[in-house]
Amino acid sequence: NEKEFIAYDKNGDTFQKDVYIDDNQMFGWKNGIIFFKDANPSEIANTLERWYGVNICYDKDMKGLFSGEFSNMALEEVLSDIGKKSNTKYIIGDQCI
């Protein structure tokens, strides 16, 4: 059951029409669900930083996209799982290289 929505990109100052299928993509946060669909490393880090209130570092040369969802999991578990599936190492830290 596809639904359309408008997304605002504050960095590009643009609006974009998009389609989502899974309600967790839009509303999962209300139930403690973090949802990623084709997210790049920067989007993943930004989401986890907001969600857990920490700084997340990763290799800026890493490319690729990740999809998955996490329900009420500890940050370390989320980072480990994403790292294994996307071959990107994420760490918690104040000093990113």
PDB file of N, CA and C in Angstrom:
ATOM      1  N   ASN A   1       0.839  -1.165   0.000  1.00  0.00           N
ATOM      2  CA  ASN A   1       0.000   0.000   0.000  1.00  0.00           C
ATOM      3  C   ASN A   1       0.900   1.250   0.000  1.00  0.00           C
ATOM      4  N   GLU A   2       1.173   1.786  -1.170  1.00  0.00           N
ATOM      5  CA  GLU A   2       2.062   2.939  -1.288  1.00  0.00           C
ATOM      6  C   GLU A   2       1.352   4.225  -0.880  1.00  0.00           C
ATOM      7  N   LYS A   3       2.142   5.105  -0.254  1.00  0.00           N
ATOM      8  CA  LYS A   3       1.643   6.416   0.132  1.00  0.00           C
ATOM      9  C   LYS A   3       2.670   7.440  -0.299  1.00  0.00           C
ATOM     10  N   GLU A   4       2.224   8.617  -0.648  1.00  0.00           N
ATOM     11  CA  GLU A   4       3.133   9.677  -1.057  1.00  0.00           C
ATOM     12  C   GLU A   4       3.306  10.681   0.073  1.00  0.00           C
ATOM     13  N   PHE A   5       4.492  11.302   0.106  1.00  0.00           N
ATOM     14  CA  PHE A   5       4.751  12.355   1.069  1.00  0.00           C
ATOM     15  C   PHE A   5       5.742  13.335   0.472  1.00  0.00           C
ATOM     16  N   ILE A   6       5.835  14.490   1.099  1.00  0.00           N
ATOM     17  CA  ILE A   6       6.790  15.515   0.685  1.00  0.00           C
ATOM     18  C   ILE A   6       7.920  15.533   1.707  1.00  0.00           C
ATOM     19  N   ALA A   7       9.157  15.470   1.234  1.00  0.00           N
ATOM     20  CA  ALA A   7      10.332  15.532   2.106  1.00  0.00           C
ATOM     21  C   ALA A   7      11.066  16.835   1.826  1.00  0.00           C
ATOM     22  N   TYR A   8      11.542  17.465   2.901  1.00  0.00           N
ATOM     23  CA  TYR A   8      12.299  18.709   2.780  1.00  0.00           C
ATOM     24  C   TYR A   8      13.757  18.434   3.083  1.00  0.00           C
ATOM     25  N   ASP A   9      14.651  18.828   2.182  1.00  0.00           N
ATOM     26  CA  ASP A   9      16.090  18.701   2.367  1.00  0.00           C
ATOM     27  C   ASP A   9      16.614  20.063   2.781  1.00  0.00           C
ATOM     28  N   LYS A  10      16.945  20.199   4.092  1.00  0.00           N
ATOM     29  CA  LYS A  10      17.361  21.510   4.577  1.00  0.00           C
ATOM     30  C   LYS A  10      18.718  21.916   4.031  1.00  0.00           C
ATOM     31  N   ASN A  11      19.577  20.947   3.681  1.00  0.00           N
ATOM     32  CA  ASN A  11      20.892  21.285   3.121  1.00  0.00           C
ATOM     33  C   ASN A  11      20.772  21.837   1.703  1.00  0.00           C
ATOM     34  N   GLY A  12      19.906  21.238   0.915  1.00  0.00           N
ATOM     35  CA  GLY A  12      19.711  21.697  -0.450  1.00  0.00           C
ATOM     36  C   GLY A  12      18.587  22.701  -0.587  1.00  0.00           C
ATOM     37  N   ASP A  13      17.844  22.944   0.521  1.00  0.00           N
ATOM     38  CA  ASP A  13      16.709  23.847   0.539  1.00  0.00           C
ATOM     39  C   ASP A  13      15.720  23.519  -0.580  1.00  0.00           C
ATOM     40  N   THR A  14      15.396  22.212  -0.665  1.00  0.00           N
ATOM     41  CA  THR A  14      14.477  21.763  -1.708  1.00  0.00           C
ATOM     42  C   THR A  14      13.424  20.837  -1.114  1.00  0.00           C
ATOM     43  N   PHE A  15      12.322  20.711  -1.811  1.00  0.00           N
ATOM     44  CA  PHE A  15      11.283  19.752  -1.475  1.00  0.00           C
ATOM     45  C   PHE A  15      11.291  18.660  -2.526  1.00  0.00           C
ATOM     46  N   GLN A  16      10.918  17.451  -2.093  1.00  0.00           N
ATOM     47  CA  GLN A  16      10.897  16.334  -3.033  1.00  0.00           C
ATOM     48  C   GLN A  16       9.717  15.426  -2.701  1.00  0.00           C
ATOM     49  N   LYS A  17       8.976  15.046  -3.728  1.00  0.00           N
ATOM     50  CA  LYS A  17       7.893  14.087  -3.532  1.00  0.00           C
ATOM     51  C   LYS A  17       8.510  12.700  -3.487  1.00  0.00           C
ATOM     52  N   ASP A  18       8.080  11.887  -2.546  1.00  0.00           N
ATOM     53  CA  ASP A  18       8.621  10.551  -2.395  1.00  0.00           C
ATOM     54  C   ASP A  18       7.487   9.597  -2.071  1.00  0.00           C
ATOM     55  N   VAL A  19       7.777   8.321  -2.123  1.00  0.00           N
ATOM     56  CA  VAL A  19       6.793   7.288  -1.834  1.00  0.00           C
ATOM     57  C   VAL A  19       7.352   6.390  -0.740  1.00  0.00           C
ATOM     58  N   TYR A  20       6.521   6.014   0.207  1.00  0.00           N
ATOM     59  CA  TYR A  20       6.940   5.026   1.195  1.00  0.00           C
ATOM     60  C   TYR A  20       5.909   3.924   1.247  1.00  0.00           C
ATOM     61  N   ILE A  21       6.368   2.761   1.616  1.00  0.00           N
ATOM     62  CA  ILE A  21       5.494   1.597   1.672  1.00  0.00           C
ATOM     63  C   ILE A  21       5.258   1.178   3.117  1.00  0.00           C
ATOM     64  N   ASP A  22       6.302   1.201   3.926  1.00  0.00           N
ATOM     65  CA  ASP A  22       6.242   0.729   5.304  1.00  0.00           C
ATOM     66  C   ASP A  22       5.954   1.896   6.248  1.00  0.00           C
ATOM     67  N   ASP A  23       4.934   1.761   7.084  1.00  0.00           N
ATOM     68  CA  ASP A  23       4.607   2.819   8.034  1.00  0.00           C
ATOM     69  C   ASP A  23       5.756   3.099   8.996  1.00  0.00           C
ATOM     70  N   ASN A  24       6.631   2.101   9.250  1.00  0.00           N
ATOM     71  CA  ASN A  24       7.765   2.323  10.137  1.00  0.00           C
ATOM     72  C   ASN A  24       8.722   3.361   9.571  1.00  0.00           C
ATOM     73  N   GLN A  25       8.741   3.501   8.257  1.00  0.00           N
ATOM     74  CA  GLN A  25       9.607   4.499   7.636  1.00  0.00           C
ATOM     75  C   GLN A  25       9.214   5.902   8.078  1.00  0.00           C
ATOM     76  N   MET A  26       7.939   6.147   8.229  1.00  0.00           N
ATOM     77  CA  MET A  26       7.473   7.481   8.585  1.00  0.00           C
ATOM     78  C   MET A  26       7.131   7.630  10.066  1.00  0.00           C
ATOM     79  N   PHE A  27       6.595   6.581  10.665  1.00  0.00           N
ATOM     80  CA  PHE A  27       6.039   6.729  12.002  1.00  0.00           C
ATOM     81  C   PHE A  27       6.638   5.792  13.046  1.00  0.00           C
ATOM     82  N   GLY A  28       7.621   5.002  12.662  1.00  0.00           N
ATOM     83  CA  GLY A  28       8.219   4.037  13.580  1.00  0.00           C
ATOM     84  C   GLY A  28       8.839   4.672  14.802  1.00  0.00           C
ATOM     85  N   TRP A  29       9.338   5.898  14.653  1.00  0.00           N
ATOM     86  CA  TRP A  29       9.983   6.581  15.775  1.00  0.00           C
ATOM     87  C   TRP A  29       9.052   6.687  16.974  1.00  0.00           C
ATOM     88  N   LYS A  30       7.746   6.743  16.709  1.00  0.00           N
ATOM     89  CA  LYS A  30       6.792   6.852  17.820  1.00  0.00           C
ATOM     90  C   LYS A  30       6.755   5.572  18.648  1.00  0.00           C
ATOM     91  N   ASN A  31       7.182   4.463  18.050  1.00  0.00           N
ATOM     92  CA  ASN A  31       7.175   3.170  18.737  1.00  0.00           C
ATOM     93  C   ASN A  31       8.582   2.672  19.042  1.00  0.00           C
ATOM     94  N   GLY A  32       9.566   3.569  18.991  1.00  0.00           N
ATOM     95  CA  GLY A  32      10.939   3.185  19.306  1.00  0.00           C
ATOM     96  C   GLY A  32      11.633   2.438  18.196  1.00  0.00           C
ATOM     97  N   ILE A  33      11.190   2.613  16.951  1.00  0.00           N
ATOM     98  CA  ILE A  33      11.774   1.908  15.809  1.00  0.00           C
ATOM     99  C   ILE A  33      12.580   2.877  14.959  1.00  0.00           C
ATOM    100  N   ILE A  34      13.845   2.526  14.754  1.00  0.00           N
ATOM    101  CA  ILE A  34      14.697   3.287  13.833  1.00  0.00           C
ATOM    102  C   ILE A  34      14.625   2.559  12.499  1.00  0.00           C
ATOM    103  N   PHE A  35      14.304   3.273  11.439  1.00  0.00           N
ATOM    104  CA  PHE A  35      14.102   2.670  10.122  1.00  0.00           C
ATOM    105  C   PHE A  35      15.023   3.339   9.110  1.00  0.00           C
ATOM    106  N   PHE A  36      15.772   2.531   8.375  1.00  0.00           N
ATOM    107  CA  PHE A  36      16.622   3.036   7.295  1.00  0.00           C
ATOM    108  C   PHE A  36      16.210   2.363   5.988  1.00  0.00           C
ATOM    109  N   LYS A  37      16.068   3.157   4.957  1.00  0.00           N
ATOM    110  CA  LYS A  37      15.818   2.610   3.625  1.00  0.00           C
ATOM    111  C   LYS A  37      16.790   3.288   2.673  1.00  0.00           C
ATOM    112  N   ASP A  38      17.724   2.512   2.154  1.00  0.00           N
ATOM    113  CA  ASP A  38      18.737   3.023   1.223  1.00  0.00           C
ATOM    114  C   ASP A  38      19.431   4.259   1.798  1.00  0.00           C
ATOM    115  N   ALA A  39      19.822   4.178   3.056  1.00  0.00           N
ATOM    116  CA  ALA A  39      20.485   5.299   3.728  1.00  0.00           C
ATOM    117  C   ALA A  39      21.989   5.226   3.503  1.00  0.00           C
ATOM    118  N   ASN A  40      22.607   6.374   3.229  1.00  0.00           N
ATOM    119  CA  ASN A  40      24.062   6.407   3.088  1.00  0.00           C
ATOM    120  C   ASN A  40      24.683   6.565   4.479  1.00  0.00           C
ATOM    121  N   PRO A  41      26.023   6.380   4.599  1.00  0.00           N
ATOM    122  CA  PRO A  41      26.664   6.454   5.911  1.00  0.00           C
ATOM    123  C   PRO A  41      26.401   7.762   6.659  1.00  0.00           C
ATOM    124  N   SER A  42      26.356   8.876   5.961  1.00  0.00           N
ATOM    125  CA  SER A  42      26.097  10.164   6.597  1.00  0.00           C
ATOM    126  C   SER A  42      24.691  10.214   7.183  1.00  0.00           C
ATOM    127  N   GLU A  43      23.700   9.739   6.446  1.00  0.00           N
ATOM    128  CA  GLU A  43      22.319   9.729   6.935  1.00  0.00           C
ATOM    129  C   GLU A  43      22.184   8.826   8.158  1.00  0.00           C
ATOM    130  N   ILE A  44      22.870   7.695   8.131  1.00  0.00           N
ATOM    131  CA  ILE A  44      22.832   6.771   9.263  1.00  0.00           C
ATOM    132  C   ILE A  44      23.427   7.438  10.495  1.00  0.00           C
ATOM    133  N   ALA A  45      24.612   8.028  10.340  1.00  0.00           N
ATOM    134  CA  ALA A  45      25.266   8.692  11.467  1.00  0.00           C
ATOM    135  C   ALA A  45      24.395   9.817  12.019  1.00  0.00           C
ATOM    136  N   ASN A  46      23.836  10.648  11.149  1.00  0.00           N
ATOM    137  CA  ASN A  46      22.993  11.765  11.593  1.00  0.00           C
ATOM    138  C   ASN A  46      21.761  11.279  12.352  1.00  0.00           C
ATOM    139  N   THR A  47      21.127  10.239  11.841  1.00  0.00           N
ATOM    140  CA  THR A  47      19.943   9.691  12.510  1.00  0.00           C
ATOM    141  C   THR A  47      20.293   9.154  13.883  1.00  0.00           C
ATOM    142  N   LEU A  48      21.385   8.378  13.973  1.00  0.00           N
ATOM    143  CA  LEU A  48      21.778   7.797  15.256  1.00  0.00           C
ATOM    144  C   LEU A  48      22.232   8.865  16.249  1.00  0.00           C
ATOM    145  N   GLU A  49      22.859   9.911  15.756  1.00  0.00           N
ATOM    146  CA  GLU A  49      23.263  11.010  16.637  1.00  0.00           C
ATOM    147  C   GLU A  49      22.048  11.672  17.271  1.00  0.00           C
ATOM    148  N   ARG A  50      21.028  11.927  16.470  1.00  0.00           N
ATOM    149  CA  ARG A  50      19.807  12.544  17.002  1.00  0.00           C
ATOM    150  C   ARG A  50      19.077  11.588  17.950  1.00  0.00           C
ATOM    151  N   TRP A  51      19.015  10.316  17.577  1.00  0.00           N
ATOM    152  CA  TRP A  51      18.256   9.323  18.323  1.00  0.00           C
ATOM    153  C   TRP A  51      18.866   9.067  19.703  1.00  0.00           C
ATOM    154  N   TYR A  52      20.210   8.933  19.732  1.00  0.00           N
ATOM    155  CA  TYR A  52      20.878   8.545  20.972  1.00  0.00           C
ATOM    156  C   TYR A  52      21.599   9.702  21.669  1.00  0.00           C
ATOM    157  N   GLY A  53      21.690  10.860  21.035  1.00  0.00           N
ATOM    158  CA  GLY A  53      22.327  12.010  21.661  1.00  0.00           C
ATOM    159  C   GLY A  53      23.835  11.875  21.808  1.00  0.00           C
ATOM    160  N   VAL A  54      24.480  11.270  20.824  1.00  0.00           N
ATOM    161  CA  VAL A  54      25.938  11.085  20.848  1.00  0.00           C
ATOM    162  C   VAL A  54      26.518  11.513  19.508  1.00  0.00           C
ATOM    163  N   ASN A  55      27.834  11.590  19.428  1.00  0.00           N
ATOM    164  CA  ASN A  55      28.516  11.814  18.153  1.00  0.00           C
ATOM    165  C   ASN A  55      28.905  10.472  17.565  1.00  0.00           C
ATOM    166  N   ILE A  56      28.662  10.289  16.279  1.00  0.00           N
ATOM    167  CA  ILE A  56      28.990   9.049  15.591  1.00  0.00           C
ATOM    168  C   ILE A  56      30.030   9.362  14.516  1.00  0.00           C
ATOM    169  N   CYS A  57      31.107   8.594  14.509  1.00  0.00           N
ATOM    170  CA  CYS A  57      32.161   8.746  13.511  1.00  0.00           C
ATOM    171  C   CYS A  57      32.145   7.537  12.577  1.00  0.00           C
ATOM    172  N   TYR A  58      32.541   7.754  11.341  1.00  0.00           N
ATOM    173  CA  TYR A  58      32.633   6.669  10.361  1.00  0.00           C
ATOM    174  C   TYR A  58      33.632   7.081   9.306  1.00  0.00           C
ATOM    175  N   ASP A  59      34.072   6.129   8.515  1.00  0.00           N
ATOM    176  CA  ASP A  59      35.023   6.372   7.437  1.00  0.00           C
ATOM    177  C   ASP A  59      34.311   7.146   6.327  1.00  0.00           C
ATOM    178  N   LYS A  60      34.721   8.372   6.095  1.00  0.00           N
ATOM    179  CA  LYS A  60      34.052   9.237   5.108  1.00  0.00           C
ATOM    180  C   LYS A  60      34.202   8.727   3.672  1.00  0.00           C
ATOM    181  N   ASP A  61      35.138   7.796   3.439  1.00  0.00           N
ATOM    182  CA  ASP A  61      35.314   7.238   2.101  1.00  0.00           C
ATOM    183  C   ASP A  61      34.332   6.106   1.813  1.00  0.00           C
ATOM    184  N   MET A  62      33.610   5.668   2.830  1.00  0.00           N
ATOM    185  CA  MET A  62      32.668   4.564   2.640  1.00  0.00           C
ATOM    186  C   MET A  62      31.470   5.033   1.832  1.00  0.00           C
ATOM    187  N   LYS A  63      31.114   4.230   0.894  1.00  0.00           N
ATOM    188  CA  LYS A  63      29.944   4.491   0.061  1.00  0.00           C
ATOM    189  C   LYS A  63      28.972   3.342   0.264  1.00  0.00           C
ATOM    190  N   GLY A  64      27.885   3.370  -0.381  1.00  0.00           N
ATOM    191  CA  GLY A  64      26.917   2.280  -0.291  1.00  0.00           C
ATOM    192  C   GLY A  64      25.725   2.687   0.547  1.00  0.00           C
ATOM    193  N   LEU A  65      24.687   1.899   0.422  1.00  0.00           N
ATOM    194  CA  LEU A  65      23.425   2.197   1.076  1.00  0.00           C
ATOM    195  C   LEU A  65      23.035   1.051   1.993  1.00  0.00           C
ATOM    196  N   PHE A  66      22.299   1.389   3.034  1.00  0.00           N
ATOM    197  CA  PHE A  66      21.870   0.391   4.008  1.00  0.00           C
ATOM    198  C   PHE A  66      20.376   0.510   4.235  1.00  0.00           C
ATOM    199  N   SER A  67      19.714  -0.644   4.350  1.00  0.00           N
ATOM    200  CA  SER A  67      18.299  -0.688   4.710  1.00  0.00           C
ATOM    201  C   SER A  67      18.134  -1.636   5.886  1.00  0.00           C
ATOM    202  N   GLY A  68      17.301  -1.266   6.819  1.00  0.00           N
ATOM    203  CA  GLY A  68      17.024  -2.115   7.965  1.00  0.00           C
ATOM    204  C   GLY A  68      16.245  -1.359   9.010  1.00  0.00           C
ATOM    205  N   GLU A  69      15.783  -2.092  10.025  1.00  0.00           N
ATOM    206  CA  GLU A  69      15.068  -1.438  11.116  1.00  0.00           C
ATOM    207  C   GLU A  69      15.487  -2.062  12.437  1.00  0.00           C
ATOM    208  N   PHE A  70      15.437  -1.222  13.472  1.00  0.00           N
ATOM    209  CA  PHE A  70      15.872  -1.614  14.799  1.00  0.00           C
ATOM    210  C   PHE A  70      14.814  -1.161  15.793  1.00  0.00           C
ATOM    211  N   SER A  71      14.407  -2.079  16.649  1.00  0.00           N
ATOM    212  CA  SER A  71      13.367  -1.774  17.613  1.00  0.00           C
ATOM    213  C   SER A  71      13.927  -1.829  19.026  1.00  0.00           C
ATOM    214  N   ASN A  72      13.988  -0.665  19.676  1.00  0.00           N
ATOM    215  CA  ASN A  72      14.406  -0.559  21.074  1.00  0.00           C
ATOM    216  C   ASN A  72      15.718  -1.291  21.362  1.00  0.00           C
ATOM    217  N   MET A  73      16.724  -1.062  20.535  1.00  0.00           N
ATOM    218  CA  MET A  73      18.020  -1.705  20.717  1.00  0.00           C
ATOM    219  C   MET A  73      19.043  -0.718  21.254  1.00  0.00           C
ATOM    220  N   ALA A  74      20.022  -1.238  21.985  1.00  0.00           N
ATOM    221  CA  ALA A  74      21.128  -0.419  22.466  1.00  0.00           C
ATOM    222  C   ALA A  74      21.951   0.064  21.282  1.00  0.00           C
ATOM    223  N   LEU A  75      22.520   1.248  21.404  1.00  0.00           N
ATOM    224  CA  LEU A  75      23.286   1.841  20.315  1.00  0.00           C
ATOM    225  C   LEU A  75      24.410   0.922  19.856  1.00  0.00           C
ATOM    226  N   GLU A  76      25.121   0.296  20.777  1.00  0.00           N
ATOM    227  CA  GLU A  76      26.233  -0.576  20.412  1.00  0.00           C
ATOM    228  C   GLU A  76      25.764  -1.733  19.540  1.00  0.00           C
ATOM    229  N   GLU A  77      24.578  -2.272  19.820  1.00  0.00           N
ATOM    230  CA  GLU A  77      24.022  -3.356  19.009  1.00  0.00           C
ATOM    231  C   GLU A  77      23.668  -2.856  17.606  1.00  0.00           C
ATOM    232  N   VAL A  78      23.087  -1.674  17.544  1.00  0.00           N
ATOM    233  CA  VAL A  78      22.720  -1.092  16.253  1.00  0.00           C
ATOM    234  C   VAL A  78      23.972  -0.861  15.414  1.00  0.00           C
ATOM    235  N   LEU A  79      25.008  -0.252  16.006  1.00  0.00           N
ATOM    236  CA  LEU A  79      26.247   0.012  15.277  1.00  0.00           C
ATOM    237  C   LEU A  79      26.904  -1.268  14.809  1.00  0.00           C
ATOM    238  N   SER A  80      26.918  -2.274  15.646  1.00  0.00           N
ATOM    239  CA  SER A  80      27.520  -3.557  15.281  1.00  0.00           C
ATOM    240  C   SER A  80      26.779  -4.191  14.113  1.00  0.00           C
ATOM    241  N   ASP A  81      25.464  -4.198  14.179  1.00  0.00           N
ATOM    242  CA  ASP A  81      24.656  -4.813  13.124  1.00  0.00           C
ATOM    243  C   ASP A  81      24.811  -4.068  11.801  1.00  0.00           C
ATOM    244  N   ILE A  82      24.737  -2.748  11.841  1.00  0.00           N
ATOM    245  CA  ILE A  82      24.904  -1.967  10.613  1.00  0.00           C
ATOM    246  C   ILE A  82      26.305  -2.178  10.049  1.00  0.00           C
ATOM    247  N   GLY A  83      27.300  -2.180  10.918  1.00  0.00           N
ATOM    248  CA  GLY A  83      28.676  -2.370  10.477  1.00  0.00           C
ATOM    249  C   GLY A  83      28.883  -3.690   9.765  1.00  0.00           C
ATOM    250  N   LYS A  84      28.306  -4.756  10.305  1.00  0.00           N
ATOM    251  CA  LYS A  84      28.439  -6.081   9.687  1.00  0.00           C
ATOM    252  C   LYS A  84      27.751  -6.129   8.326  1.00  0.00           C
ATOM    253  N   LYS A  85      26.570  -5.550   8.249  1.00  0.00           N
ATOM    254  CA  LYS A  85      25.776  -5.637   7.019  1.00  0.00           C
ATOM    255  C   LYS A  85      26.227  -4.670   5.936  1.00  0.00           C
ATOM    256  N   SER A  86      26.836  -3.543   6.326  1.00  0.00           N
ATOM    257  CA  SER A  86      27.204  -2.537   5.325  1.00  0.00           C
ATOM    258  C   SER A  86      28.713  -2.421   5.136  1.00  0.00           C
ATOM    259  N   ASN A  87      29.472  -3.194   5.911  1.00  0.00           N
ATOM    260  CA  ASN A  87      30.931  -3.147   5.828  1.00  0.00           C
ATOM    261  C   ASN A  87      31.469  -1.739   6.087  1.00  0.00           C
ATOM    262  N   THR A  88      30.808  -1.014   6.975  1.00  0.00           N
ATOM    263  CA  THR A  88      31.236   0.315   7.396  1.00  0.00           C
ATOM    264  C   THR A  88      31.393   0.305   8.906  1.00  0.00           C
ATOM    265  N   LYS A  89      32.502   0.825   9.392  1.00  0.00           N
ATOM    266  CA  LYS A  89      32.724   0.859  10.840  1.00  0.00           C
ATOM    267  C   LYS A  89      32.252   2.203  11.389  1.00  0.00           C
ATOM    268  N   TYR A  90      31.326   2.129  12.322  1.00  0.00           N
ATOM    269  CA  TYR A  90      30.829   3.307  13.026  1.00  0.00           C
ATOM    270  C   TYR A  90      31.318   3.229  14.460  1.00  0.00           C
ATOM    271  N   ILE A  91      31.749   4.356  15.006  1.00  0.00           N
ATOM    272  CA  ILE A  91      32.159   4.390  16.404  1.00  0.00           C
ATOM    273  C   ILE A  91      31.539   5.614  17.080  1.00  0.00           C
ATOM    274  N   ILE A  92      31.409   5.520  18.398  1.00  0.00           N
ATOM    275  CA  ILE A  92      30.913   6.628  19.199  1.00  0.00           C
ATOM    276  C   ILE A  92      32.132   7.442  19.602  1.00  0.00           C
ATOM    277  N   GLY A  93      32.117   8.744  19.348  1.00  0.00           N
ATOM    278  CA  GLY A  93      33.281   9.548  19.723  1.00  0.00           C
ATOM    279  C   GLY A  93      33.071  11.012  19.474  1.00  0.00           C
ATOM    280  N   ASP A  94      33.857  11.822  20.191  1.00  0.00           N
ATOM    281  CA  ASP A  94      33.774  13.263  20.034  1.00  0.00           C
ATOM    282  C   ASP A  94      34.726  13.769  18.958  1.00  0.00           C
ATOM    283  N   GLN A  95      35.783  13.033  18.701  1.00  0.00           N
ATOM    284  CA  GLN A  95      36.818  13.476  17.751  1.00  0.00           C
ATOM    285  C   GLN A  95      36.813  12.594  16.511  1.00  0.00           C
ATOM    286  N   CYS A  96      36.056  12.966  15.517  1.00  0.00           N
ATOM    287  CA  CYS A  96      36.033  12.209  14.266  1.00  0.00           C
ATOM    288  C   CYS A  96      37.237  12.615  13.423  1.00  0.00           C
ATOM    289  N   ILE A  97      37.812  11.640  12.768  1.00  0.00           N
ATOM    290  CA  ILE A  97      38.982  11.897  11.919  1.00  0.00           C
ATOM    291  C   ILE A  97      38.539  12.248  10.511  1.00  0.00           C
TER     292      ILE A  97
END
